[in-house]
Amino acid sequence: MQRLAGGGHRRALDEREKPRRAIDNDSRRFSTAFNFGEHLALERTFGEDWRMEIALRLQYCSNGGIKQPNSGINFLQMRYSHRFR
């Protein structure tokens, strides 16, 4: 299999090479299917007729120490929305 690398050169894709991900699930382990989440969010509505909105949200998820391993994970999310008429 081939893929483009920087500068337009082609190189072979090594079968052992893993694609980069935003979250590395290989190093995170949740030992239970039951998890808890905590959320903190700030939101602001503005603009003509209050049609635009921006929000910032921090989220934490873990199994609450029910069973090990319990690596937990944090998410930081930002959202912008615009309501059309």
C-alpha atoms as a PDB file:
ATOM      1  CA  MET A   1       0.000   0.000   0.000  1.00  0.00           C
ATOM      2  CA  GLN A   2       1.254   3.525  -0.771  1.00  0.00           C
ATOM      3  CA  ARG A   3       0.553   6.892   0.742  1.00  0.00           C
ATOM      4  CA  LEU A   4       1.750  10.425   0.190  1.00  0.00           C
ATOM      5  CA  ALA A   5       4.338  11.779   2.588  1.00  0.00           C
ATOM      6  CA  GLY A   6       5.583  15.363   2.975  1.00  0.00           C
ATOM      7  CA  GLY A   7       6.916  17.055  -0.149  1.00  0.00           C
ATOM      8  CA  GLY A   8       4.822  14.919  -2.506  1.00  0.00           C
ATOM      9  CA  HIS A   9       7.148  11.887  -2.252  1.00  0.00           C
ATOM     10  CA  ARG A  10       5.638   8.436  -1.974  1.00  0.00           C
ATOM     11  CA  ARG A  11       6.758   5.824   0.490  1.00  0.00           C
ATOM     12  CA  ALA A  12       5.533   2.383   1.467  1.00  0.00           C
ATOM     13  CA  LEU A  13       3.226   2.159   4.465  1.00  0.00           C
ATOM     14  CA  ASP A  14       4.768  -0.116   7.058  1.00  0.00           C
ATOM     15  CA  GLU A  15       2.195  -2.660   8.256  1.00  0.00           C
ATOM     16  CA  ARG A  16       3.340  -2.094  11.854  1.00  0.00           C
ATOM     17  CA  GLU A  17       2.785   1.643  11.627  1.00  0.00           C
ATOM     18  CA  LYS A  18      -0.392   2.715  13.416  1.00  0.00           C
ATOM     19  CA  PRO A  19      -2.449   5.712  12.307  1.00  0.00           C
ATOM     20  CA  ARG A  20      -2.329   8.672  14.682  1.00  0.00           C
ATOM     21  CA  ARG A  21      -5.436   9.144  16.779  1.00  0.00           C
ATOM     22  CA  ALA A  22      -6.582  11.942  19.035  1.00  0.00           C
ATOM     23  CA  ILE A  23      -7.246   9.364  21.782  1.00  0.00           C
ATOM     24  CA  ASP A  24      -4.848   6.462  22.232  1.00  0.00           C
ATOM     25  CA  ASN A  25      -7.139   3.618  23.294  1.00  0.00           C
ATOM     26  CA  ASP A  26      -4.196   1.222  23.466  1.00  0.00           C
ATOM     27  CA  SER A  27      -2.901   2.933  26.621  1.00  0.00           C
ATOM     28  CA  ARG A  28      -6.319   3.544  28.256  1.00  0.00           C
ATOM     29  CA  ARG A  29      -8.113   0.703  29.963  1.00  0.00           C
ATOM     30  CA  PHE A  30     -11.610   0.713  31.413  1.00  0.00           C
ATOM     31  CA  SER A  31     -12.166  -2.543  33.254  1.00  0.00           C
ATOM     32  CA  THR A  32     -15.957  -2.146  33.409  1.00  0.00           C
ATOM     33  CA  ALA A  33     -18.622  -1.281  30.854  1.00  0.00           C
ATOM     34  CA  PHE A  34     -20.246   0.929  33.515  1.00  0.00           C
ATOM     35  CA  ASN A  35     -18.640   4.380  33.701  1.00  0.00           C
ATOM     36  CA  PHE A  36     -19.421   7.680  35.378  1.00  0.00           C
ATOM     37  CA  GLY A  37     -19.076  11.133  33.909  1.00  0.00           C
ATOM     38  CA  GLU A  38     -18.709  14.590  35.376  1.00  0.00           C
ATOM     39  CA  HIS A  39     -19.351  17.668  33.261  1.00  0.00           C
ATOM     40  CA  LEU A  40     -18.667  21.372  33.630  1.00  0.00           C
ATOM     41  CA  ALA A  41     -19.824  23.742  30.883  1.00  0.00           C
ATOM     42  CA  LEU A  42     -19.912  27.451  30.143  1.00  0.00           C
ATOM     43  CA  GLU A  43     -22.200  28.734  27.427  1.00  0.00           C
ATOM     44  CA  ARG A  44     -22.841  32.177  25.943  1.00  0.00           C
ATOM     45  CA  THR A  45     -25.628  33.175  23.557  1.00  0.00           C
ATOM     46  CA  PHE A  46     -25.194  36.394  21.573  1.00  0.00           C
ATOM     47  CA  GLY A  47     -25.828  38.190  18.290  1.00  0.00           C
ATOM     48  CA  GLU A  48     -28.917  39.430  16.517  1.00  0.00           C
ATOM     49  CA  ASP A  49     -31.991  37.697  17.959  1.00  0.00           C
ATOM     50  CA  TRP A  50     -29.619  35.599  20.120  1.00  0.00           C
ATOM     51  CA  ARG A  51     -28.907  33.302  17.137  1.00  0.00           C
ATOM     52  CA  MET A  52     -25.245  32.502  17.861  1.00  0.00           C
ATOM     53  CA  GLU A  53     -23.913  30.387  20.681  1.00  0.00           C
ATOM     54  CA  ILE A  54     -20.471  29.375  21.893  1.00  0.00           C
ATOM     55  CA  ALA A  55     -19.814  26.787  24.597  1.00  0.00           C
ATOM     56  CA  LEU A  56     -16.814  25.290  26.390  1.00  0.00           C
ATOM     57  CA  ARG A  57     -17.219  21.935  28.128  1.00  0.00           C
ATOM     58  CA  LEU A  58     -14.891  19.886  30.326  1.00  0.00           C
ATOM     59  CA  GLN A  59     -15.820  16.234  30.787  1.00  0.00           C
ATOM     60  CA  TYR A  60     -14.239  13.490  32.905  1.00  0.00           C
ATOM     61  CA  CYS A  61     -15.140   9.824  32.518  1.00  0.00           C
ATOM     62  CA  SER A  62     -14.035   6.837  34.629  1.00  0.00           C
ATOM     63  CA  ASN A  63     -15.427   3.717  36.270  1.00  0.00           C
ATOM     64  CA  GLY A  64     -15.357   5.411  39.691  1.00  0.00           C
ATOM     65  CA  GLY A  65     -12.779   3.006  41.129  1.00  0.00           C
ATOM     66  CA  ILE A  66     -15.159   0.030  40.960  1.00  0.00           C
ATOM     67  CA  LYS A  67     -12.424  -2.146  39.481  1.00  0.00           C
ATOM     68  CA  GLN A  68      -8.827  -1.713  38.296  1.00  0.00           C
ATOM     69  CA  PRO A  69      -7.493  -0.554  35.939  1.00  0.00           C
ATOM     70  CA  ASN A  70      -9.277   2.791  36.056  1.00  0.00           C
ATOM     71  CA  SER A  71      -7.382   5.121  33.731  1.00  0.00           C
ATOM     72  CA  GLY A  72     -10.123   7.741  33.395  1.00  0.00           C
ATOM     73  CA  ILE A  73     -10.131  10.217  30.540  1.00  0.00           C
ATOM     74  CA  ASN A  74     -10.623  13.976  30.186  1.00  0.00           C
ATOM     75  CA  PHE A  75     -12.278  15.727  27.250  1.00  0.00           C
ATOM     76  CA  LEU A  76     -12.202  19.428  26.455  1.00  0.00           C
ATOM     77  CA  GLN A  77     -14.847  20.405  23.930  1.00  0.00           C
ATOM     78  CA  MET A  78     -15.614  23.710  22.247  1.00  0.00           C
ATOM     79  CA  ARG A  79     -18.785  24.328  20.261  1.00  0.00           C
ATOM     80  CA  TYR A  80     -20.027  27.160  18.083  1.00  0.00           C
ATOM     81  CA  SER A  81     -23.529  27.159  16.647  1.00  0.00           C
ATOM     82  CA  HIS A  82     -25.516  29.551  14.500  1.00  0.00           C
ATOM     83  CA  ARG A  83     -29.281  29.285  14.175  1.00  0.00           C
ATOM     84  CA  PHE A  84     -30.611  30.174  10.736  1.00  0.00           C
ATOM     85  CA  ARG A  85     -34.060  31.641  10.267  1.00  0.00           C
END
